[in-house]
Protein backbone atom coordinates (compact mmCIF):
# COMPACT_ATOMS: atom_id res chain seq x y z
CA UNK A 1 51.04 81.02 84.36
CA UNK A 2 53.45 81.77 81.53
CA UNK A 3 56.49 79.39 81.31
CA UNK A 4 59.37 80.41 79.04
CA UNK A 5 62.70 78.79 78.32
CA UNK A 6 65.40 81.53 78.53
CA UNK A 7 68.98 81.93 77.45
CA UNK A 8 71.13 84.79 78.65
CA UNK A 9 74.92 85.58 78.75
CA UNK A 10 77.27 85.06 81.56
CA UNK A 11 80.10 87.59 82.20
CA UNK A 12 82.45 85.54 79.97
CA UNK A 13 79.95 85.26 77.16
CA UNK A 14 78.80 81.69 77.99
CA UNK A 15 75.19 80.97 77.46
CA UNK A 16 73.15 80.36 80.65
CA UNK A 17 69.91 78.40 80.39
CA UNK A 18 66.86 78.44 82.61
CA UNK A 19 63.08 78.59 82.94
CA UNK A 20 61.31 81.85 83.64
CA UNK A 21 57.79 81.60 85.07
CA UNK A 22 55.41 84.59 85.31
CA UNK A 23 51.99 84.57 86.92
CA UNK A 24 48.92 85.73 85.04
CA UNK A 25 48.65 88.65 87.49
CA UNK A 26 51.24 90.30 89.70
CA UNK A 27 54.78 89.08 89.58
CA UNK A 28 56.53 92.31 90.70
CA UNK A 29 58.61 90.24 93.10
CA UNK A 30 60.81 87.62 91.59
CA UNK A 31 62.50 84.61 93.30
CA UNK A 32 65.70 83.31 91.75
CA UNK A 33 66.81 79.79 92.83
CA UNK A 34 70.53 79.08 92.96
CA UNK A 35 71.58 75.41 92.99
CA UNK A 36 74.60 73.86 94.63
CA UNK A 37 78.08 73.06 93.40
CA UNK A 38 77.52 69.68 91.80
CA UNK A 39 73.85 70.06 90.99
CA UNK A 40 71.66 71.72 88.32
CA UNK A 41 68.63 73.93 88.18
CA UNK A 42 66.06 71.35 89.23
CA UNK A 43 67.79 70.73 92.53
CA UNK A 44 67.85 67.54 94.66
CA UNK A 45 64.67 65.50 94.02
CA UNK A 46 63.33 68.38 91.90
CA UNK A 47 63.21 70.66 94.93
CA UNK A 48 64.06 73.91 93.15
CA UNK A 49 61.96 73.47 90.04
CA UNK A 50 59.03 72.40 92.18
CA UNK A 51 59.43 75.46 94.45
CA UNK A 52 59.57 77.74 91.41
CA UNK A 53 56.35 76.37 90.07
CA UNK A 54 54.56 76.62 93.41
CA UNK A 55 55.81 80.15 93.99
CA UNK A 56 54.53 81.20 90.58
CA UNK A 57 51.11 79.82 91.49
CA UNK A 58 51.31 82.15 94.56
CA UNK A 59 51.83 85.14 92.28
CA UNK A 60 55.62 85.49 92.12
CA UNK A 61 57.87 85.57 89.03
CA UNK A 62 60.47 82.82 89.28
CA UNK A 63 63.68 81.91 87.54
CA UNK A 64 65.22 78.48 87.85
CA UNK A 65 68.53 78.38 85.91
CA UNK A 66 71.73 76.36 85.45
CA UNK A 67 74.94 77.96 86.61
CA UNK A 68 77.93 78.08 84.29
CA UNK A 69 79.27 74.60 83.43
CA UNK A 70 76.18 72.90 84.96
CA UNK A 71 73.11 71.37 83.39
CA UNK A 72 72.31 72.88 80.00
CA UNK A 73 74.47 76.01 80.49
CA UNK A 74 77.77 76.46 78.68
CA UNK A 75 81.13 76.50 80.44
CA UNK A 76 83.84 74.15 81.70
CA UNK A 77 82.71 72.58 84.98
CA UNK A 78 86.29 71.83 85.91
CA UNK A 79 87.27 75.50 85.86
CA UNK A 80 84.14 77.35 87.09
CA UNK A 81 84.66 79.01 90.46
CA UNK A 82 82.43 80.25 93.24
CA UNK A 83 83.04 83.76 92.03
CA UNK A 84 81.82 82.72 88.61
CA UNK A 85 78.63 81.45 90.31
CA UNK A 86 78.14 84.84 91.97
CA UNK A 87 78.55 86.64 88.64
CA UNK A 88 75.98 84.31 87.09
CA UNK A 89 73.50 85.17 89.83
CA UNK A 90 74.04 88.86 89.12
CA UNK A 91 73.20 88.21 85.42
CA UNK A 92 70.06 86.25 86.50
CA UNK A 93 68.93 89.27 88.57
CA UNK A 94 69.45 91.55 85.51
CA UNK A 95 67.25 89.17 83.46
CA UNK A 96 64.27 89.13 85.85
CA UNK A 97 64.34 92.91 86.20
CA UNK A 98 64.35 93.21 82.42
CA UNK A 99 61.32 90.92 82.51
CA UNK A 100 59.54 93.42 84.72
CA UNK A 101 60.39 92.39 88.28
CA UNK A 102 60.80 95.25 90.68
CA UNK A 103 62.03 93.22 93.74
CA UNK A 104 64.31 90.17 93.92
CA UNK A 105 64.67 87.32 96.42
CA UNK A 106 67.61 84.97 96.13
CA UNK A 107 67.10 81.38 97.32
CA UNK A 108 70.38 79.45 97.47
CA UNK A 109 70.95 75.84 98.36
CA UNK A 110 74.43 74.74 99.86
CA UNK A 111 77.11 76.57 97.89
CA UNK A 112 74.30 78.23 96.03
CA UNK A 113 73.65 80.05 99.36
CA UNK A 114 77.24 81.29 99.30
CA UNK A 115 76.80 82.38 95.71
CA UNK A 116 73.59 84.21 96.61
CA UNK A 117 75.14 85.98 99.61
CA UNK A 118 78.13 86.91 97.46
CA UNK A 119 76.01 88.13 94.57
CA UNK A 120 74.17 90.35 97.09
CA UNK A 121 77.45 92.30 97.46
CA UNK A 122 78.51 92.57 93.82
CA UNK A 123 75.67 93.76 91.78
CA UNK A 124 72.55 91.58 92.21
CA UNK A 125 71.07 93.95 94.78
CA UNK A 126 68.45 91.56 96.09
CA UNK A 127 65.88 92.63 98.69
CA UNK A 128 66.27 89.31 100.51
CA UNK A 129 68.49 86.28 100.59
CA UNK A 130 67.40 82.87 101.85
CA UNK A 131 70.56 80.68 102.30
CA UNK A 132 69.84 76.98 102.89
CA UNK A 133 72.43 74.50 104.17
CA UNK A 134 75.13 77.13 103.59
CA UNK A 135 78.61 76.68 104.93
CA UNK A 136 81.03 79.46 106.26
CA UNK A 137 83.23 81.63 104.05
CA UNK A 138 86.32 79.87 105.46
CA UNK A 139 89.15 81.00 103.17
CA UNK A 140 88.68 84.72 103.76
CA UNK A 141 88.35 84.17 107.50
CA UNK A 142 91.47 82.07 107.46
CA UNK A 143 93.35 84.91 105.75
CA UNK A 144 92.15 87.39 108.40
CA UNK A 145 93.23 84.94 111.09
CA UNK A 146 96.66 84.84 109.43
CA UNK A 147 96.92 88.64 109.67
CA UNK A 148 96.32 88.46 113.40
CA UNK A 149 98.82 85.62 113.75
CA UNK A 150 101.53 87.65 111.90
CA UNK A 151 100.74 90.74 114.00
CA UNK A 152 101.18 88.67 117.24
CA UNK A 153 104.46 87.13 116.13
CA UNK A 154 105.82 90.45 115.00
CA UNK A 155 105.13 92.00 118.39
CA UNK A 156 107.00 89.18 120.01
CA UNK A 157 110.08 89.74 117.86
CA UNK A 158 110.03 93.46 118.45
CA UNK A 159 110.09 92.82 122.18
CA UNK A 160 113.11 90.54 121.75
CA UNK A 161 115.05 93.40 120.16
CA UNK A 162 115.27 94.99 123.53
CA UNK A 163 117.09 91.96 124.99
CA UNK A 164 120.82 91.81 125.05
CA UNK A 165 120.79 88.11 124.37
CA UNK A 166 119.01 88.76 121.03
CA UNK A 167 121.82 91.09 119.91
CA UNK A 168 124.43 88.59 120.88
CA UNK A 169 122.79 85.98 118.69
CA UNK A 170 122.63 88.41 115.85
CA UNK A 171 126.33 89.19 116.03
CA UNK A 172 127.12 85.46 116.25
CA UNK A 173 124.99 84.82 113.25
CA UNK A 174 122.83 82.52 115.29
CA UNK A 175 119.50 83.99 114.08
CA UNK A 176 117.84 82.38 111.09
CA UNK A 177 116.21 85.15 109.14
CA UNK A 178 114.73 82.57 106.83
CA UNK A 179 113.08 80.92 109.87
CA UNK A 180 111.79 84.32 111.15
CA UNK A 181 110.26 85.02 107.71
CA UNK A 182 108.63 81.56 107.58
CA UNK A 183 107.15 82.17 111.07
CA UNK A 184 105.80 85.55 110.17
CA UNK A 185 104.42 84.78 106.66
CA UNK A 186 104.48 81.02 106.09
CA UNK A 187 100.78 80.64 106.80
CA UNK A 188 99.92 83.08 104.04
CA UNK A 189 101.72 81.07 101.33
CA UNK A 190 99.98 77.94 102.47
CA UNK A 191 96.63 79.63 102.43
CA UNK A 192 97.33 81.01 98.95
CA UNK A 193 98.29 77.65 97.60
CA UNK A 194 95.14 76.13 99.04
CA UNK A 195 92.99 78.91 97.48
CA UNK A 196 94.56 78.26 94.11
CA UNK A 197 93.52 74.63 94.22
CA UNK A 198 90.06 75.12 95.67
CA UNK A 199 87.50 76.45 93.13
CA UNK A 200 84.98 76.85 95.90
CA UNK A 201 87.14 79.49 97.63
CA UNK A 202 86.21 83.05 96.81
CA UNK A 203 88.79 85.71 96.11
CA UNK A 204 86.42 88.48 97.25
CA UNK A 205 86.25 89.76 100.79
CA UNK A 206 82.59 88.82 101.26
CA UNK A 207 82.52 89.28 105.01
CA UNK A 208 83.58 92.86 104.59
CA UNK A 209 81.33 93.46 101.68
CA UNK A 210 78.23 92.06 103.41
CA UNK A 211 78.57 94.76 105.99
CA UNK A 212 76.86 97.08 103.59
CA UNK A 213 73.93 94.79 102.77
CA UNK A 214 70.62 96.03 104.22
CA UNK A 215 68.24 93.37 102.80
CA UNK A 216 66.64 90.52 104.77
CA UNK A 217 68.87 87.47 105.37
CA UNK A 218 67.31 84.08 106.34
CA UNK A 219 69.35 80.97 107.08
CA UNK A 220 67.85 77.54 107.14
CA UNK A 221 69.63 74.39 108.30
CA UNK A 222 68.73 70.66 108.68
CA UNK A 223 69.00 68.93 112.05
CA UNK A 224 70.45 65.75 110.58
CA UNK A 225 73.22 67.57 108.66
CA UNK A 226 76.45 67.32 110.79
CA UNK A 227 77.65 70.63 109.38
CA UNK A 228 74.55 72.55 110.44
CA UNK A 229 75.46 73.38 114.03
CA UNK A 230 78.97 74.77 113.36
CA UNK A 231 77.78 76.59 110.24
CA UNK A 232 74.91 78.24 112.09
CA UNK A 233 77.19 79.16 114.96
CA UNK A 234 79.63 80.74 112.53
CA UNK A 235 77.04 82.87 110.76
CA UNK A 236 75.41 83.94 113.99
CA UNK A 237 78.68 85.32 115.24
CA UNK A 238 79.55 86.65 111.82
CA UNK A 239 76.38 88.83 111.66
CA UNK A 240 76.50 89.79 115.28
CA UNK A 241 80.04 91.18 114.93
CA UNK A 242 79.06 93.27 111.95
CA UNK A 243 75.81 94.56 113.33
CA UNK A 244 73.66 92.70 110.71
CA UNK A 245 70.35 91.15 111.33
CA UNK A 246 69.55 87.67 110.17
CA UNK A 247 67.00 84.98 111.17
CA UNK A 248 67.96 81.36 111.68
CA UNK A 249 65.78 78.25 111.35
CA UNK A 250 66.47 74.55 111.88
CA UNK A 251 64.12 71.98 110.35
CA UNK A 252 64.04 68.78 112.30
CA UNK A 253 64.48 65.19 111.14
CA UNK A 254 65.83 65.91 107.70
CA UNK A 255 69.23 66.03 105.94
CA UNK A 256 71.31 68.48 103.95
CA UNK A 257 69.02 68.33 100.91
CA UNK A 258 65.77 68.31 102.84
CA UNK A 259 64.38 64.98 101.78
CA UNK A 260 60.91 64.21 103.11
CA UNK A 261 57.59 65.74 102.45
CA UNK A 262 57.28 67.44 105.81
CA UNK A 263 60.75 68.97 105.60
CA UNK A 264 59.98 70.31 102.16
CA UNK A 265 56.71 71.80 103.31
CA UNK A 266 58.50 73.60 106.17
CA UNK A 267 61.25 74.83 103.84
CA UNK A 268 58.84 76.11 101.24
CA UNK A 269 56.71 77.84 103.92
CA UNK A 270 59.87 79.77 105.05
CA UNK A 271 60.73 80.82 101.53
CA UNK A 272 57.12 81.79 100.79
CA UNK A 273 57.03 83.95 103.93
CA UNK A 274 60.26 85.76 102.99
CA UNK A 275 58.91 86.37 99.46
CA UNK A 276 55.71 87.76 100.87
CA UNK A 277 57.47 89.99 103.33
CA UNK A 278 59.61 91.34 100.47
CA UNK A 279 56.52 91.94 98.35
CA UNK A 280 54.62 93.68 101.11
CA UNK A 281 57.43 95.84 102.29
CA UNK A 282 57.77 97.53 98.95
CA UNK A 283 54.09 98.26 98.29
């Protein structure tokens, strides 16, 4: 096994730092691990760095790196966004391909799963994504719900135009146009203010972009994580509506970060299977 400390540039010129491992033989398929929002490249209880080492022993190239503003990488952690994380994953995919990898698997934990799924739509071009303890893309879905809400309200107002009572109110000046505008569009301004404050909210329309992704998608959740059930339900409906195929797994008796030896063994087995399928499919 060859272990190499690497530095490569983010889209804004910041230095990203990681560890690239290459097996003595093989390595045409690379696995890139993507850590969560407040973590770094080693992951909770060394989960990510341990998985990278074990995958390399199985014949895969691996890259374990710090996202911008985290760990040893440059960048302001207070200003880095989820979109920046996606762009960093794209740069990581470029690095492993320059190192000789022909196929790429992204393994993302928590918001790292969102970054991996997002990167799949904006340049990383992975063959598979394994998203672990990954929550929904709520902001974009909220915006789409807002469009439906406005459309519904607008239809109601148009119907009222055919009523004599509505015209009487108009002539009397009894209609508040400011109130009508607030009803039609107020939820958009609230959503926009929320998005400005929330660095974890993407500005990209990932649900729409993911419609074109044809690689394998695997979701893994933990039974003791209270967010698992609603998140899994969201993504199952999400993929079904868009005609995408994805597999879902729940590991019992463990939490969001998969503490416990048995949980880690199960999680690693799912990742290894996905990497082997990717490797075999392209031969």
